[in-house]
Amino acid sequence: MKLKIRFVGDICLIGDIQEKILSSDSKKLFYCLEEPDSILVGNLESPISIGGVSKKGKFACFQSNPEIIDSLLDVDMLSLSNNHITDFGHESAFQTKKILEENGIKNVGYGKNSEESLELSIIEKNGVKVGVGTFSCLTTNGFNIATSDVPGVATYSLQLIREIIPKWKSKVDVLFVFFHWGLENNHSIVEDQMIVAHACIDAGADSIVGTHGHVIQPYEIYNGKPIFYGLGNLVFSDFDYEYMDASGKNIKGRYIQKKTNLESLSPVFTIDVNDSNCKVKVDRVDSYKFENDKLEKINLQGLSVDVDELNYQISGYFSRSAYMRNKKKNRGEIDYLSEFRYPNVVYFYNSNIIRRKSKIVLVWLDALLLFSRIKNKVLFKLNVKV
């Protein structure tokens, strides 16, 4: 017996695409994703709600009209574990959960506290229990991390991964871990992504899938298990923005997606069931382009990035990055210095591109996390050093 599951990247139905959906008789977007006898999982990059107040000072706060829900009915499960789900407050996020559930779409990754945000979402099909658990990196998401008594999404540490993944796996036949992580608009991964992905596989996960970068990142096979570091944007159109900066000035503009923001990967996994044993294999890797508010399947060779080259670059990544860390002045942009802090939360990505800002940002993030820890007693009990 075989079952297929397809993962797609960021879905954000705002701006131009929302206007088109609301003005069209046909709200179906994902014809080209249809796969017989399969499960479709993606990352919802905006709340679906009415009302709420946008976050002050944030460049882009997203919110989709609930009337767009018909366009998502082909999706079986959506991750809410990202840096936009609370753009209009926690009430907006809970509205989103309710709307999805009322329309038969499972959701995962956001909850009323840290325990609920870490709950596994399970789909049973063809007698196979498929579980999806999610995490959102603190670096990408310092504002809406769940604690014992505060709603939000789950961040992660190596200790937490090693504790929770065996528990998740004990409840299902196959376990996928869906991450929101990495540097935006950069095809290269940071070292932490690889460390964490490998730790998840070692702890029992069957496959790792990532989003957040808005562009395609590489993939690899580790100990026979597939890891897709960044799928890119599936559907993310141009949009108008308006926010108030730190000085109180009202800033307006229009964000135009780059060519690389309109391309994505979509791995299709086959779950082979044999004598009560399930094995995950990559059936194929599809590629998509979202252009002129239309999603279409294209050849890998038609992408603006060479995926084979990206995959080749991460082979031997540890040996290169270890060498470069000893010679920081000669670091290449594929190699990043990143840190596990408190003592092993994936905390801050530091490359040549952003190193000049690092001291200011680190001081700010230190203060933010310290305030959170004092207010809520402890973010997580972290005792294991990397």
Protein backbone atom coordinates (compact mmCIF):
# COMPACT_ATOMS: atom_id res chain seq x y z
CA MET A 1 0.00 0.00 0.00
CA LYS A 2 1.22 3.51 -0.79
CA LEU A 3 0.19 6.97 0.36
CA LYS A 4 1.49 10.28 -0.96
CA ILE A 5 1.94 13.56 0.88
CA ARG A 6 2.85 16.87 -0.77
CA PHE A 7 4.37 19.87 1.03
CA VAL A 8 4.24 23.42 -0.32
CA GLY A 9 5.80 26.68 0.86
CA ASP A 10 4.38 29.98 2.07
CA ILE A 11 0.76 30.76 1.23
CA CYS A 12 -0.20 34.40 1.79
CA LEU A 13 -3.54 35.37 0.25
CA ILE A 14 -3.30 39.14 0.61
CA GLY A 15 -2.76 42.07 -1.75
CA ASP A 16 -3.39 41.54 -5.45
CA ILE A 17 -4.25 37.85 -5.20
CA GLN A 18 -6.87 38.48 -2.51
CA GLU A 19 -8.54 41.10 -4.69
CA LYS A 20 -8.62 38.66 -7.59
CA ILE A 21 -10.06 35.85 -5.44
CA LEU A 22 -12.79 38.08 -4.00
CA SER A 23 -13.80 39.40 -7.43
CA SER A 24 -13.83 36.01 -9.16
CA ASP A 25 -16.58 33.42 -9.41
CA SER A 26 -13.97 30.65 -9.23
CA LYS A 27 -11.88 30.80 -6.07
CA LYS A 28 -9.89 27.65 -6.77
CA LEU A 29 -6.15 28.30 -6.95
CA PHE A 30 -4.42 24.98 -6.67
CA TYR A 31 -5.50 22.87 -9.65
CA CYS A 32 -1.89 22.11 -10.51
CA LEU A 33 -1.19 20.69 -7.04
CA GLU A 34 -3.81 17.96 -7.20
CA GLU A 35 -2.38 14.52 -6.51
CA PRO A 36 -4.61 11.43 -6.37
CA ASP A 37 -4.83 9.72 -2.98
CA SER A 38 -2.58 12.22 -1.26
CA ILE A 39 -2.32 14.73 1.61
CA LEU A 40 -1.51 18.42 0.96
CA VAL A 41 0.31 20.45 3.65
CA GLY A 42 1.44 24.09 3.52
CA ASN A 43 2.41 27.12 5.62
CA LEU A 44 -0.26 29.83 6.05
CA GLU A 45 1.66 33.10 6.20
CA SER A 46 -1.23 35.30 7.33
CA PRO A 47 -4.21 35.14 9.69
CA ILE A 48 -7.67 34.75 8.17
CA SER A 49 -9.80 37.06 10.26
CA ILE A 50 -11.73 40.30 10.68
CA GLY A 51 -10.79 43.07 13.09
CA GLY A 52 -7.86 43.25 15.44
CA VAL A 53 -5.08 45.82 15.62
CA SER A 54 -1.91 45.49 13.58
CA LYS A 55 1.43 45.39 15.37
CA LYS A 56 2.82 48.86 15.84
CA GLY A 57 5.98 49.56 13.90
CA LYS A 58 5.99 46.32 11.94
CA PHE A 59 6.76 46.78 8.24
CA ALA A 60 4.30 44.21 6.89
CA CYS A 61 1.25 43.06 8.83
CA PHE A 62 -0.87 40.57 6.91
CA GLN A 63 -4.54 39.68 7.23
CA SER A 64 -6.76 37.77 4.79
CA ASN A 65 -10.51 38.20 4.41
CA PRO A 66 -12.40 35.08 5.61
CA GLU A 67 -14.15 34.97 2.23
CA ILE A 68 -10.96 33.60 0.67
CA ILE A 69 -11.36 30.33 2.59
CA ASP A 70 -12.91 28.55 -0.42
CA SER A 71 -9.58 28.86 -2.23
CA LEU A 72 -7.91 26.76 0.49
CA LEU A 73 -10.36 23.87 0.59
CA ASP A 74 -7.99 21.59 -1.36
CA VAL A 75 -5.42 21.89 1.44
CA ASP A 76 -5.56 19.22 4.17
CA MET A 77 -3.35 20.88 6.79
CA LEU A 78 -1.80 24.32 7.34
CA SER A 79 1.01 25.30 9.67
CA LEU A 80 0.38 28.49 11.68
CA SER A 81 3.82 28.41 13.24
CA ASN A 82 5.30 31.57 11.75
CA ASN A 83 6.03 35.25 12.35
CA HIS A 84 2.79 36.57 10.81
CA ILE A 85 0.01 34.54 12.45
CA THR A 86 -0.39 37.16 15.22
CA ASP A 87 0.05 40.27 13.03
CA PHE A 88 -3.42 41.39 14.17
CA GLY A 89 -3.28 39.95 17.67
CA HIS A 90 -3.99 36.63 19.31
CA GLU A 91 -7.74 36.92 18.84
CA SER A 92 -7.13 37.09 15.09
CA ALA A 93 -5.00 33.94 15.28
CA PHE A 94 -7.73 32.08 17.18
CA GLN A 95 -10.28 33.23 14.58
CA THR A 96 -8.02 31.70 11.95
CA LYS A 97 -7.93 28.36 13.75
CA LYS A 98 -11.71 28.35 14.08
CA ILE A 99 -12.32 29.20 10.40
CA LEU A 100 -9.94 26.48 9.24
CA GLU A 101 -11.46 23.88 11.54
CA GLU A 102 -15.01 24.78 10.48
CA ASN A 103 -13.96 24.15 6.88
CA GLY A 104 -12.29 20.81 7.55
CA ILE A 105 -8.71 22.07 7.30
CA LYS A 106 -6.40 20.85 10.05
CA ASN A 107 -3.98 23.37 11.56
CA VAL A 108 -0.87 22.99 13.66
CA GLY A 109 1.68 25.14 15.47
CA TYR A 110 -0.29 27.85 17.29
CA GLY A 111 -2.02 27.49 20.65
CA LYS A 112 -3.15 29.08 23.90
CA ASN A 113 0.15 28.10 25.57
CA SER A 114 3.44 26.34 24.83
CA GLU A 115 1.94 22.90 25.44
CA GLU A 116 -0.86 23.45 22.92
CA SER A 117 1.48 25.03 20.38
CA LEU A 118 3.53 21.81 20.47
CA GLU A 119 0.58 19.50 19.86
CA LEU A 120 1.04 17.12 16.94
CA SER A 121 -1.49 17.26 14.10
CA ILE A 122 -2.42 13.82 12.75
CA ILE A 123 -4.11 12.76 9.53
CA GLU A 124 -5.07 9.12 9.13
CA LYS A 125 -5.48 7.91 5.55
CA ASN A 126 -5.36 4.45 4.00
CA GLY A 127 -4.74 3.07 7.47
CA VAL A 128 -1.58 5.19 7.92
CA LYS A 129 -1.23 7.78 10.68
CA VAL A 130 0.77 10.75 9.39
CA GLY A 131 1.89 13.32 11.96
CA VAL A 132 3.13 16.88 11.40
CA GLY A 133 4.81 18.83 14.20
CA THR A 134 6.03 22.41 13.82
CA PHE A 135 8.59 24.84 15.22
CA SER A 136 9.34 28.51 14.55
CA CYS A 137 12.85 29.82 15.08
CA LEU A 138 13.21 32.51 17.75
CA THR A 139 15.35 34.60 15.38
CA THR A 140 12.52 34.84 12.84
CA ASN A 141 9.86 35.10 15.49
CA GLY A 142 10.81 36.90 18.68
CA PHE A 143 7.39 38.44 19.23
CA ASN A 144 4.86 35.62 19.48
CA ILE A 145 6.57 32.71 21.20
CA ALA A 146 4.19 30.71 23.40
CA THR A 147 4.99 30.21 27.07
CA SER A 148 3.23 28.29 29.85
CA ASP A 149 0.56 30.98 30.13
CA VAL A 150 0.87 33.08 26.95
CA PRO A 151 -0.51 32.10 23.50
CA GLY A 152 1.79 31.79 20.51
CA VAL A 153 3.93 29.45 18.47
CA ALA A 154 6.64 27.03 19.60
CA THR A 155 10.30 27.88 19.33
CA TYR A 156 12.84 25.11 19.79
CA SER A 157 16.09 23.98 21.32
CA LEU A 158 18.12 20.83 20.84
CA GLN A 159 16.97 19.62 24.24
CA LEU A 160 13.31 20.16 23.37
CA ILE A 161 13.75 18.43 20.00
CA ARG A 162 15.37 15.39 21.61
CA GLU A 163 12.58 15.17 24.16
CA ILE A 164 9.49 15.77 22.04
CA ILE A 165 10.22 14.05 18.74
CA PRO A 166 10.27 10.52 20.23
CA LYS A 167 6.93 11.35 21.92
CA TRP A 168 5.48 12.57 18.61
CA LYS A 169 6.77 9.54 16.73
CA SER A 170 5.22 7.14 19.24
CA LYS A 171 1.76 8.44 18.23
CA VAL A 172 2.08 8.01 14.44
CA ASP A 173 3.46 5.78 11.73
CA VAL A 174 5.28 8.60 9.94
CA LEU A 175 6.49 11.93 11.36
CA PHE A 176 7.22 15.12 9.40
CA VAL A 177 8.69 18.18 11.16
CA PHE A 178 7.80 21.52 9.57
CA PHE A 179 10.13 24.46 10.41
CA HIS A 180 9.93 28.23 9.99
CA TRP A 181 13.58 29.29 9.99
CA GLY A 182 16.61 30.69 8.13
CA LEU A 183 17.54 33.98 6.52
CA GLU A 184 14.98 35.72 4.32
CA ASN A 185 15.71 36.09 0.61
CA ASN A 186 18.89 34.04 0.83
CA HIS A 187 19.28 30.71 -0.99
CA SER A 188 22.02 29.55 1.39
CA ILE A 189 21.16 27.89 4.68
CA VAL A 190 22.71 28.81 8.01
CA GLU A 191 24.61 26.22 9.96
CA ASP A 192 21.95 25.99 12.67
CA GLN A 193 19.41 24.71 10.16
CA MET A 194 21.59 21.73 9.35
CA ILE A 195 22.45 21.03 13.00
CA VAL A 196 18.79 21.11 14.00
CA ALA A 197 17.54 19.12 11.00
CA HIS A 198 20.07 16.35 11.62
CA ALA A 199 19.16 16.32 15.33
CA CYS A 200 15.50 15.83 14.40
CA ILE A 201 16.32 12.88 12.15
CA ASP A 202 18.55 11.37 14.84
CA ALA A 203 15.65 11.71 17.30
CA GLY A 204 13.27 9.78 15.06
CA ALA A 205 11.71 12.17 12.51
CA ASP A 206 11.14 10.73 9.03
CA SER A 207 11.55 13.99 7.11
CA ILE A 208 12.18 17.71 7.64
CA VAL A 209 10.59 20.53 5.63
CA GLY A 210 11.29 24.27 6.01
CA THR A 211 9.87 27.65 5.01
CA HIS A 212 10.33 31.38 5.82
CA GLY A 213 13.16 32.35 3.45
CA HIS A 214 10.72 33.27 0.64
CA VAL A 215 13.19 31.76 -1.82
CA ILE A 216 14.25 28.21 -2.64
CA GLN A 217 16.91 26.64 -0.43
CA PRO A 218 18.72 23.29 -0.90
CA TYR A 219 17.72 19.78 0.05
CA GLU A 220 19.66 16.68 1.03
CA ILE A 221 19.34 13.11 2.27
CA TYR A 222 20.69 12.51 5.78
CA ASN A 223 20.86 8.92 7.11
CA GLY A 224 18.41 7.95 4.40
CA LYS A 225 15.88 10.66 5.41
CA PRO A 226 14.98 13.67 3.20
CA ILE A 227 15.51 17.25 4.40
CA PHE A 228 14.12 20.23 2.43
CA TYR A 229 15.54 23.39 4.00
CA GLY A 230 13.36 25.97 2.25
CA LEU A 231 10.51 25.57 -0.24
CA GLY A 232 10.12 29.27 -1.11
CA ASN A 233 6.81 31.09 -1.65
CA LEU A 234 3.99 29.14 -3.22
CA VAL A 235 1.52 32.05 -3.47
CA PHE A 236 2.63 35.52 -2.36
CA SER A 237 1.65 38.49 -4.52
CA ASP A 238 2.57 42.18 -4.52
CA PHE A 239 0.93 44.19 -1.74
CA ASP A 240 0.52 47.72 -0.38
CA TYR A 241 1.86 48.40 3.11
CA GLU A 242 1.42 51.09 5.72
CA TYR A 243 2.98 51.38 9.17
CA MET A 244 4.19 53.91 11.71
CA ASP A 245 7.93 54.03 12.31
CA ALA A 246 9.69 54.63 15.63
CA SER A 247 9.49 58.42 15.21
CA GLY A 248 5.73 58.29 14.65
CA LYS A 249 5.93 58.95 10.93
CA ASN A 250 3.36 57.14 8.78
CA ILE A 251 5.13 55.11 6.08
CA LYS A 252 3.29 53.91 2.98
CA GLY A 253 4.53 51.95 -0.02
CA ARG A 254 4.10 48.98 -2.30
CA TYR A 255 6.14 45.79 -2.02
CA ILE A 256 6.99 44.18 -5.36
CA GLN A 257 7.98 40.52 -5.19
CA LYS A 258 11.29 39.63 -6.81
CA LYS A 259 11.51 36.93 -9.43
CA THR A 260 12.97 34.48 -6.93
CA ASN A 261 10.05 35.15 -4.53
CA LEU A 262 7.64 33.79 -7.14
CA GLU A 263 9.28 30.36 -7.39
CA SER A 264 8.95 27.36 -5.11
CA LEU A 265 9.67 23.67 -4.67
CA SER A 266 7.06 21.10 -3.74
CA PRO A 267 8.33 17.68 -2.67
CA VAL A 268 5.95 14.76 -3.08
CA PHE A 269 6.71 11.96 -0.63
CA THR A 270 5.63 8.35 -0.98
CA ILE A 271 4.89 6.46 2.21
CA ASP A 272 5.44 2.76 1.61
CA VAL A 273 3.57 0.49 4.00
CA ASN A 274 5.01 -3.00 4.24
CA ASP A 275 4.37 -5.43 7.11
CA SER A 276 3.32 -2.57 9.41
CA ASN A 277 6.54 -0.77 8.59
CA CYS A 278 6.38 2.67 6.97
CA LYS A 279 9.18 4.25 4.99
CA VAL A 280 9.24 7.76 3.54
CA LYS A 281 10.75 8.27 0.11
CA VAL A 282 10.89 11.29 -2.18
CA ASP A 283 8.68 10.42 -5.14
CA ARG A 284 9.63 13.59 -7.00
CA VAL A 285 10.33 17.31 -6.53
CA ASP A 286 7.99 19.60 -8.46
CA SER A 287 8.62 23.29 -9.06
CA TYR A 288 6.11 26.11 -9.40
CA LYS A 289 5.93 29.73 -10.47
CA PHE A 290 3.34 32.22 -9.27
CA GLU A 291 3.07 34.94 -11.87
CA ASN A 292 0.29 37.35 -12.86
CA ASP A 293 -1.74 35.96 -9.96
CA LYS A 294 -1.67 32.48 -11.44
CA LEU A 295 0.10 29.38 -10.14
CA GLU A 296 1.63 27.05 -12.70
CA LYS A 297 3.90 24.04 -12.66
CA ILE A 298 7.25 24.48 -14.44
CA ASN A 299 10.39 22.42 -15.01
CA LEU A 300 13.20 22.62 -12.46
CA GLN A 301 15.38 23.89 -15.28
CA GLY A 302 13.02 26.84 -15.69
CA LEU A 303 13.80 28.21 -12.22
CA SER A 304 16.04 31.26 -11.85
CA VAL A 305 18.16 29.35 -9.32
CA ASP A 306 20.17 26.20 -10.02
CA VAL A 307 18.85 23.77 -7.41
CA ASP A 308 21.53 21.17 -8.17
CA GLU A 309 24.20 23.78 -7.45
CA LEU A 310 22.53 24.70 -4.14
CA ASN A 311 22.44 21.05 -3.14
CA TYR A 312 26.08 20.59 -4.11
CA GLN A 313 27.13 23.60 -2.02
CA ILE A 314 25.89 22.09 1.24
CA SER A 315 27.79 18.84 0.79
CA GLY A 316 30.74 19.10 3.16
CA TYR A 317 29.15 22.20 4.69
CA PHE A 318 30.36 21.49 8.22
CA SER A 319 33.99 21.07 7.23
CA ARG A 320 33.99 24.32 5.27
CA SER A 321 32.15 26.34 7.91
CA ALA A 322 34.39 25.01 10.70
CA TYR A 323 37.45 26.11 8.73
CA MET A 324 35.96 29.51 7.93
CA ARG A 325 35.03 30.17 11.56
CA ASN A 326 38.74 30.09 12.33
CA LYS A 327 39.36 32.65 9.59
CA LYS A 328 36.44 35.04 10.00
CA LYS A 329 37.92 37.75 7.77
CA ASN A 330 37.86 35.35 4.84
CA ARG A 331 34.33 34.06 5.35
CA GLY A 332 32.27 33.46 2.24
CA GLU A 333 28.57 34.35 2.17
CA ILE A 334 27.57 30.69 2.07
CA ASP A 335 29.11 30.32 5.52
CA TYR A 336 27.35 31.86 8.50
CA LEU A 337 28.36 32.31 12.08
CA SER A 338 25.29 31.52 14.14
CA GLU A 339 24.81 31.01 17.83
CA PHE A 340 23.03 28.66 20.19
CA ARG A 341 22.24 30.62 23.35
CA TYR A 342 20.39 30.16 26.66
CA PRO A 343 22.23 27.78 26.14
CA ASN A 344 20.97 26.13 22.96
CA VAL A 345 18.05 28.00 21.45
CA VAL A 346 18.71 28.83 17.81
CA TYR A 347 19.00 32.49 18.58
CA PHE A 348 20.68 34.73 16.04
CA TYR A 349 22.01 34.45 12.51
CA ASN A 350 25.11 36.53 11.84
CA SER A 351 26.68 36.81 8.40
CA ASN A 352 28.86 39.34 6.58
CA ILE A 353 25.65 40.86 5.24
CA ILE A 354 24.25 41.78 8.65
CA ARG A 355 27.29 41.71 10.94
CA ARG A 356 27.39 45.51 11.29
CA LYS A 357 23.93 45.43 12.86
CA SER A 358 24.61 42.42 15.05
CA LYS A 359 25.68 44.16 18.26
CA ILE A 360 22.63 46.42 18.38
CA VAL A 361 20.24 43.60 17.53
CA LEU A 362 21.80 41.19 20.01
CA VAL A 363 21.50 43.70 22.85
CA TRP A 364 17.87 44.31 21.90
CA LEU A 365 17.06 40.60 21.64
CA ASP A 366 18.83 39.92 24.95
CA ALA A 367 16.64 42.53 26.65
CA LEU A 368 13.50 41.16 24.98
CA LEU A 369 14.18 37.58 26.02
CA LEU A 370 15.20 38.59 29.54
CA PHE A 371 11.93 40.50 29.95
CA SER A 372 9.99 37.48 28.65
CA ARG A 373 11.78 35.13 31.05
CA ILE A 374 11.14 37.41 34.05
CA LYS A 375 7.50 37.95 33.13
CA ASN A 376 6.70 34.32 32.46
CA LYS A 377 9.27 32.78 34.82
CA VAL A 378 10.94 30.56 32.20
CA LEU A 379 10.70 30.29 28.44
CA PHE A 380 12.00 26.72 28.43
CA LYS A 381 14.22 24.71 30.77
CA LEU A 382 17.42 24.53 28.81
CA ASN A 383 20.28 22.64 30.36
CA VAL A 384 22.03 20.86 27.52
CA LYS A 385 24.98 22.59 25.93
CA VAL A 386 25.78 22.16 22.26
